[in-house]
Amino acid sequence: MLSARNQFTGKIVSLKTGSVMSEVVIDIGGGHQIVSLISASSPKRLKLKKGGKAVAVIKATEVIVSTDEQ
């Protein structure tokens, strides 16, 4: 059990691993996807694979979004 209340179960639709970071895209249904950047070693340690089940756990105090428009 985790203290983070924002947990979204879904299916991994994309997994791209670079030299330092990996990008994981999780389809959580309803046309929504969550994208996470994790360390390059984490997919292997967590046994992540495309089509596999994963839970996106979100614990944050703020999200900042910006554009170049004034």
PDB file of N, CA and C in Angstrom:
ATOM      1  N   MET A   1       0.841  -1.177   0.000  1.00  0.00           N
ATOM      2  CA  MET A   1       0.000   0.000   0.000  1.00  0.00           C
ATOM      3  C   MET A   1       0.886   1.239   0.000  1.00  0.00           C
ATOM      4  N   LEU A   2       0.446   2.252  -0.723  1.00  0.00           N
ATOM      5  CA  LEU A   2       1.179   3.518  -0.812  1.00  0.00           C
ATOM      6  C   LEU A   2       0.325   4.649  -0.270  1.00  0.00           C
ATOM      7  N   SER A   3       0.974   5.698   0.202  1.00  0.00           N
ATOM      8  CA  SER A   3       0.226   6.854   0.692  1.00  0.00           C
ATOM      9  C   SER A   3      -0.308   7.716  -0.452  1.00  0.00           C
ATOM     10  N   ALA A   4       0.274   7.592  -1.636  1.00  0.00           N
ATOM     11  CA  ALA A   4      -0.183   8.373  -2.784  1.00  0.00           C
ATOM     12  C   ALA A   4      -1.557   7.885  -3.222  1.00  0.00           C
ATOM     13  N   ARG A   5      -2.506   8.797  -3.300  1.00  0.00           N
ATOM     14  CA  ARG A   5      -3.878   8.416  -3.645  1.00  0.00           C
ATOM     15  C   ARG A   5      -4.120   8.373  -5.144  1.00  0.00           C
ATOM     16  N   ASN A   6      -3.313   9.070  -5.904  1.00  0.00           N
ATOM     17  CA  ASN A   6      -3.507   9.136  -7.345  1.00  0.00           C
ATOM     18  C   ASN A   6      -2.790   7.970  -8.014  1.00  0.00           C
ATOM     19  N   GLN A   7      -3.512   6.864  -8.174  1.00  0.00           N
ATOM     20  CA  GLN A   7      -2.949   5.665  -8.790  1.00  0.00           C
ATOM     21  C   GLN A   7      -3.837   5.262  -9.963  1.00  0.00           C
ATOM     22  N   PHE A   8      -3.214   5.096 -11.122  1.00  0.00           N
ATOM     23  CA  PHE A   8      -3.946   4.785 -12.341  1.00  0.00           C
ATOM     24  C   PHE A   8      -3.383   3.512 -12.961  1.00  0.00           C
ATOM     25  N   THR A   9      -4.195   2.475 -13.031  1.00  0.00           N
ATOM     26  CA  THR A   9      -3.781   1.211 -13.623  1.00  0.00           C
ATOM     27  C   THR A   9      -4.034   1.259 -15.123  1.00  0.00           C
ATOM     28  N   GLY A  10      -3.093   0.742 -15.889  1.00  0.00           N
ATOM     29  CA  GLY A  10      -3.262   0.742 -17.330  1.00  0.00           C
ATOM     30  C   GLY A  10      -2.321  -0.225 -18.005  1.00  0.00           C
ATOM     31  N   LYS A  11      -2.228  -0.078 -19.328  1.00  0.00           N
ATOM     32  CA  LYS A  11      -1.404  -0.952 -20.157  1.00  0.00           C
ATOM     33  C   LYS A  11      -0.298  -0.122 -20.790  1.00  0.00           C
ATOM     34  N   ILE A  12       0.910  -0.653 -20.790  1.00  0.00           N
ATOM     35  CA  ILE A  12       2.043   0.032 -21.406  1.00  0.00           C
ATOM     36  C   ILE A  12       1.895  -0.051 -22.926  1.00  0.00           C
ATOM     37  N   VAL A  13       1.797   1.117 -23.565  1.00  0.00           N
ATOM     38  CA  VAL A  13       1.630   1.155 -25.021  1.00  0.00           C
ATOM     39  C   VAL A  13       2.925   1.540 -25.725  1.00  0.00           C
ATOM     40  N   SER A  14       3.873   2.090 -24.978  1.00  0.00           N
ATOM     41  CA  SER A  14       5.147   2.466 -25.567  1.00  0.00           C
ATOM     42  C   SER A  14       6.216   2.467 -24.487  1.00  0.00           C
ATOM     43  N   LEU A  15       7.396   1.988 -24.860  1.00  0.00           N
ATOM     44  CA  LEU A  15       8.533   1.964 -23.940  1.00  0.00           C
ATOM     45  C   LEU A  15       9.788   2.236 -24.763  1.00  0.00           C
ATOM     46  N   LYS A  16      10.390   3.409 -24.551  1.00  0.00           N
ATOM     47  CA  LYS A  16      11.587   3.801 -25.293  1.00  0.00           C
ATOM     48  C   LYS A  16      12.710   4.036 -24.297  1.00  0.00           C
ATOM     49  N   THR A  17      13.812   3.319 -24.467  1.00  0.00           N
ATOM     50  CA  THR A  17      14.936   3.447 -23.545  1.00  0.00           C
ATOM     51  C   THR A  17      16.120   4.085 -24.243  1.00  0.00           C
ATOM     52  N   GLY A  18      16.630   5.149 -23.617  1.00  0.00           N
ATOM     53  CA  GLY A  18      17.830   5.814 -24.107  1.00  0.00           C
ATOM     54  C   GLY A  18      19.007   5.467 -23.213  1.00  0.00           C
ATOM     55  N   SER A  19      20.078   6.224 -23.331  1.00  0.00           N
ATOM     56  CA  SER A  19      21.272   5.932 -22.543  1.00  0.00           C
ATOM     57  C   SER A  19      21.124   6.333 -21.081  1.00  0.00           C
ATOM     58  N   VAL A  20      20.286   7.322 -20.786  1.00  0.00           N
ATOM     59  CA  VAL A  20      20.125   7.804 -19.415  1.00  0.00           C
ATOM     60  C   VAL A  20      18.693   7.625 -18.908  1.00  0.00           C
ATOM     61  N   MET A  21      17.709   7.898 -19.766  1.00  0.00           N
ATOM     62  CA  MET A  21      16.303   7.879 -19.359  1.00  0.00           C
ATOM     63  C   MET A  21      15.488   6.944 -20.250  1.00  0.00           C
ATOM     64  N   SER A  22      14.362   6.489 -19.697  1.00  0.00           N
ATOM     65  CA  SER A  22      13.377   5.712 -20.455  1.00  0.00           C
ATOM     66  C   SER A  22      12.047   6.448 -20.404  1.00  0.00           C
ATOM     67  N   GLU A  23      11.312   6.410 -21.519  1.00  0.00           N
ATOM     68  CA  GLU A  23       9.976   6.998 -21.577  1.00  0.00           C
ATOM     69  C   GLU A  23       8.962   5.864 -21.590  1.00  0.00           C
ATOM     70  N   VAL A  24       8.040   5.901 -20.631  1.00  0.00           N
ATOM     71  CA  VAL A  24       6.987   4.890 -20.537  1.00  0.00           C
ATOM     72  C   VAL A  24       5.649   5.585 -20.766  1.00  0.00           C
ATOM     73  N   VAL A  25       4.855   5.077 -21.711  1.00  0.00           N
ATOM     74  CA  VAL A  25       3.517   5.614 -21.960  1.00  0.00           C
ATOM     75  C   VAL A  25       2.515   4.554 -21.527  1.00  0.00           C
ATOM     76  N   ILE A  26       1.629   4.946 -20.592  1.00  0.00           N
ATOM     77  CA  ILE A  26       0.626   4.030 -20.038  1.00  0.00           C
ATOM     78  C   ILE A  26      -0.759   4.510 -20.456  1.00  0.00           C
ATOM     79  N   ASP A  27      -1.514   3.643 -21.120  1.00  0.00           N
ATOM     80  CA  ASP A  27      -2.896   3.937 -21.506  1.00  0.00           C
ATOM     81  C   ASP A  27      -3.774   3.595 -20.307  1.00  0.00           C
ATOM     82  N   ILE A  28      -4.422   4.619 -19.735  1.00  0.00           N
ATOM     83  CA  ILE A  28      -5.258   4.392 -18.552  1.00  0.00           C
ATOM     84  C   ILE A  28      -6.747   4.361 -18.890  1.00  0.00           C
ATOM     85  N   GLY A  29      -7.065   4.299 -20.177  1.00  0.00           N
ATOM     86  CA  GLY A  29      -8.458   4.190 -20.609  1.00  0.00           C
ATOM     87  C   GLY A  29      -9.103   5.539 -20.841  1.00  0.00           C
ATOM     88  N   GLY A  30     -10.253   5.511 -21.480  1.00  0.00           N
ATOM     89  CA  GLY A  30     -11.011   6.731 -21.744  1.00  0.00           C
ATOM     90  C   GLY A  30     -10.288   7.705 -22.654  1.00  0.00           C
ATOM     91  N   GLY A  31      -9.345   7.188 -23.449  1.00  0.00           N
ATOM     92  CA  GLY A  31      -8.596   8.059 -24.345  1.00  0.00           C
ATOM     93  C   GLY A  31      -7.466   8.813 -23.660  1.00  0.00           C
ATOM     94  N   HIS A  32      -7.122   8.420 -22.436  1.00  0.00           N
ATOM     95  CA  HIS A  32      -6.084   9.118 -21.665  1.00  0.00           C
ATOM     96  C   HIS A  32      -4.821   8.274 -21.544  1.00  0.00           C
ATOM     97  N   GLN A  33      -3.688   8.963 -21.639  1.00  0.00           N
ATOM     98  CA  GLN A  33      -2.400   8.308 -21.464  1.00  0.00           C
ATOM     99  C   GLN A  33      -1.562   9.118 -20.490  1.00  0.00           C
ATOM    100  N   ILE A  34      -0.738   8.427 -19.729  1.00  0.00           N
ATOM    101  CA  ILE A  34       0.207   9.075 -18.831  1.00  0.00           C
ATOM    102  C   ILE A  34       1.599   8.736 -19.332  1.00  0.00           C
ATOM    103  N   VAL A  35       2.446   9.760 -19.445  1.00  0.00           N
ATOM    104  CA  VAL A  35       3.816   9.581 -19.893  1.00  0.00           C
ATOM    105  C   VAL A  35       4.742   9.832 -18.705  1.00  0.00           C
ATOM    106  N   SER A  36       5.668   8.912 -18.491  1.00  0.00           N
ATOM    107  CA  SER A  36       6.612   9.045 -17.390  1.00  0.00           C
ATOM    108  C   SER A  36       8.035   8.859 -17.883  1.00  0.00           C
ATOM    109  N   LEU A  37       8.935   9.683 -17.375  1.00  0.00           N
ATOM    110  CA  LEU A  37      10.359   9.527 -17.650  1.00  0.00           C
ATOM    111  C   LEU A  37      10.991   8.920 -16.403  1.00  0.00           C
ATOM    112  N   ILE A  38      11.646   7.786 -16.583  1.00  0.00           N
ATOM    113  CA  ILE A  38      12.276   7.078 -15.480  1.00  0.00           C
ATOM    114  C   ILE A  38      13.723   6.758 -15.863  1.00  0.00           C
ATOM    115  N   SER A  39      14.507   6.297 -14.919  1.00  0.00           N
ATOM    116  CA  SER A  39      15.903   5.973 -15.232  1.00  0.00           C
ATOM    117  C   SER A  39      15.959   4.852 -16.272  1.00  0.00           C
ATOM    118  N   ALA A  40      17.044   4.817 -17.022  1.00  0.00           N
ATOM    119  CA  ALA A  40      17.193   3.817 -18.083  1.00  0.00           C
ATOM    120  C   ALA A  40      17.222   2.395 -17.541  1.00  0.00           C
ATOM    121  N   SER A  41      17.646   2.224 -16.300  1.00  0.00           N
ATOM    122  CA  SER A  41      17.723   0.878 -15.717  1.00  0.00           C
ATOM    123  C   SER A  41      16.400   0.392 -15.122  1.00  0.00           C
ATOM    124  N   SER A  42      15.461   1.285 -14.894  1.00  0.00           N
ATOM    125  CA  SER A  42      14.201   0.916 -14.228  1.00  0.00           C
ATOM    126  C   SER A  42      13.322  -0.060 -15.007  1.00  0.00           C
ATOM    127  N   PRO A  43      13.159   0.063 -16.331  1.00  0.00           N
ATOM    128  CA  PRO A  43      12.293  -0.903 -17.038  1.00  0.00           C
ATOM    129  C   PRO A  43      12.722  -2.358 -16.827  1.00  0.00           C
ATOM    130  N   LYS A  44      14.025  -2.601 -16.842  1.00  0.00           N
ATOM    131  CA  LYS A  44      14.511  -3.964 -16.630  1.00  0.00           C
ATOM    132  C   LYS A  44      14.244  -4.417 -15.194  1.00  0.00           C
ATOM    133  N   ARG A  45      14.537  -3.539 -14.231  1.00  0.00           N
ATOM    134  CA  ARG A  45      14.341  -3.874 -12.818  1.00  0.00           C
ATOM    135  C   ARG A  45      12.871  -4.129 -12.504  1.00  0.00           C
ATOM    136  N   LEU A  46      11.976  -3.326 -13.122  1.00  0.00           N
ATOM    137  CA  LEU A  46      10.533  -3.459 -12.904  1.00  0.00           C
ATOM    138  C   LEU A  46       9.880  -4.473 -13.845  1.00  0.00           C
ATOM    139  N   LYS A  47      10.677  -5.017 -14.762  1.00  0.00           N
ATOM    140  CA  LYS A  47      10.190  -5.987 -15.748  1.00  0.00           C
ATOM    141  C   LYS A  47       9.061  -5.409 -16.600  1.00  0.00           C
ATOM    142  N   LEU A  48       9.248  -4.159 -17.026  1.00  0.00           N
ATOM    143  CA  LEU A  48       8.252  -3.501 -17.865  1.00  0.00           C
ATOM    144  C   LEU A  48       8.395  -3.977 -19.302  1.00  0.00           C
ATOM    145  N   LYS A  49       7.254  -4.114 -19.979  1.00  0.00           N
ATOM    146  CA  LYS A  49       7.276  -4.471 -21.393  1.00  0.00           C
ATOM    147  C   LYS A  49       6.007  -3.932 -22.055  1.00  0.00           C
ATOM    148  N   LYS A  50       6.108  -3.659 -23.338  1.00  0.00           N
ATOM    149  CA  LYS A  50       4.968  -3.173 -24.106  1.00  0.00           C
ATOM    150  C   LYS A  50       3.845  -4.200 -24.021  1.00  0.00           C
ATOM    151  N   GLY A  51       2.643  -3.728 -23.705  1.00  0.00           N
ATOM    152  CA  GLY A  51       1.485  -4.599 -23.556  1.00  0.00           C
ATOM    153  C   GLY A  51       1.281  -5.084 -22.135  1.00  0.00           C
ATOM    154  N   GLY A  52       2.272  -4.847 -21.288  1.00  0.00           N
ATOM    155  CA  GLY A  52       2.171  -5.274 -19.894  1.00  0.00           C
ATOM    156  C   GLY A  52       1.364  -4.307 -19.043  1.00  0.00           C
ATOM    157  N   LYS A  53       0.954  -4.759 -17.897  1.00  0.00           N
ATOM    158  CA  LYS A  53       0.188  -3.949 -16.957  1.00  0.00           C
ATOM    159  C   LYS A  53       1.146  -3.112 -16.110  1.00  0.00           C
ATOM    160  N   ALA A  54       0.735  -1.877 -15.815  1.00  0.00           N
ATOM    161  CA  ALA A  54       1.533  -0.996 -14.965  1.00  0.00           C
ATOM    162  C   ALA A  54       0.591  -0.061 -14.207  1.00  0.00           C
ATOM    163  N   VAL A  55       1.073   0.471 -13.113  1.00  0.00           N
ATOM    164  CA  VAL A  55       0.317   1.443 -12.324  1.00  0.00           C
ATOM    165  C   VAL A  55       1.119   2.736 -12.291  1.00  0.00           C
ATOM    166  N   ALA A  56       0.506   3.833 -12.710  1.00  0.00           N
ATOM    167  CA  ALA A  56       1.119   5.156 -12.617  1.00  0.00           C
ATOM    168  C   ALA A  56       0.717   5.724 -11.261  1.00  0.00           C
ATOM    169  N   VAL A  57       1.696   5.984 -10.420  1.00  0.00           N
ATOM    170  CA  VAL A  57       1.450   6.538  -9.090  1.00  0.00           C
ATOM    171  C   VAL A  57       1.939   7.977  -9.117  1.00  0.00           C
ATOM    172  N   ILE A  58       1.030   8.914  -8.845  1.00  0.00           N
ATOM    173  CA  ILE A  58       1.362  10.331  -8.935  1.00  0.00           C
ATOM    174  C   ILE A  58       1.270  10.964  -7.558  1.00  0.00           C
ATOM    175  N   LYS A  59       2.378  11.536  -7.130  1.00  0.00           N
ATOM    176  CA  LYS A  59       2.410  12.257  -5.857  1.00  0.00           C
ATOM    177  C   LYS A  59       3.170  13.548  -6.130  1.00  0.00           C
ATOM    178  N   ALA A  60       2.438  14.611  -6.267  1.00  0.00           N
ATOM    179  CA  ALA A  60       3.049  15.899  -6.589  1.00  0.00           C
ATOM    180  C   ALA A  60       2.237  17.024  -5.961  1.00  0.00           C
ATOM    181  N   THR A  61       2.918  18.076  -5.637  1.00  0.00           N
ATOM    182  CA  THR A  61       2.223  19.230  -5.070  1.00  0.00           C
ATOM    183  C   THR A  61       1.827  20.237  -6.126  1.00  0.00           C
ATOM    184  N   GLU A  62       2.485  20.188  -7.291  1.00  0.00           N
ATOM    185  CA  GLU A  62       2.132  21.118  -8.354  1.00  0.00           C
ATOM    186  C   GLU A  62       2.569  20.606  -9.716  1.00  0.00           C
ATOM    187  N   VAL A  63       1.875  21.066 -10.736  1.00  0.00           N
ATOM    188  CA  VAL A  63       2.246  20.800 -12.120  1.00  0.00           C
ATOM    189  C   VAL A  63       2.265  22.145 -12.813  1.00  0.00           C
ATOM    190  N   ILE A  64       3.364  22.461 -13.464  1.00  0.00           N
ATOM    191  CA  ILE A  64       3.498  23.743 -14.143  1.00  0.00           C
ATOM    192  C   ILE A  64       3.478  23.517 -15.648  1.00  0.00           C
ATOM    193  N   VAL A  65       2.597  24.228 -16.343  1.00  0.00           N
ATOM    194  CA  VAL A  65       2.495  24.145 -17.795  1.00  0.00           C
ATOM    195  C   VAL A  65       2.647  25.570 -18.335  1.00  0.00           C
ATOM    196  N   SER A  66       3.423  25.725 -19.390  1.00  0.00           N
ATOM    197  CA  SER A  66       3.668  27.060 -19.941  1.00  0.00           C
ATOM    198  C   SER A  66       3.673  26.997 -21.455  1.00  0.00           C
ATOM    199  N   THR A  67       3.425  28.144 -22.067  1.00  0.00           N
ATOM    200  CA  THR A  67       3.574  28.309 -23.513  1.00  0.00           C
ATOM    201  C   THR A  67       4.375  29.575 -23.767  1.00  0.00           C
ATOM    202  N   ASP A  68       4.729  29.807 -25.016  1.00  0.00           N
ATOM    203  CA  ASP A  68       5.467  31.025 -25.351  1.00  0.00           C
ATOM    204  C   ASP A  68       4.542  32.231 -25.505  1.00  0.00           C
ATOM    205  N   GLU A  69       3.239  31.972 -25.509  1.00  0.00           N
ATOM    206  CA  GLU A  69       2.284  33.068 -25.707  1.00  0.00           C
ATOM    207  C   GLU A  69       2.146  33.883 -24.427  1.00  0.00           C
ATOM    208  N   GLN A  70       1.932  35.202 -24.612  1.00  0.00           N
ATOM    209  CA  GLN A  70       1.788  36.105 -23.449  1.00  0.00           C
ATOM    210  C   GLN A  70       0.346  36.280 -23.083  1.00  0.00           C
TER     211      GLN A  70
END
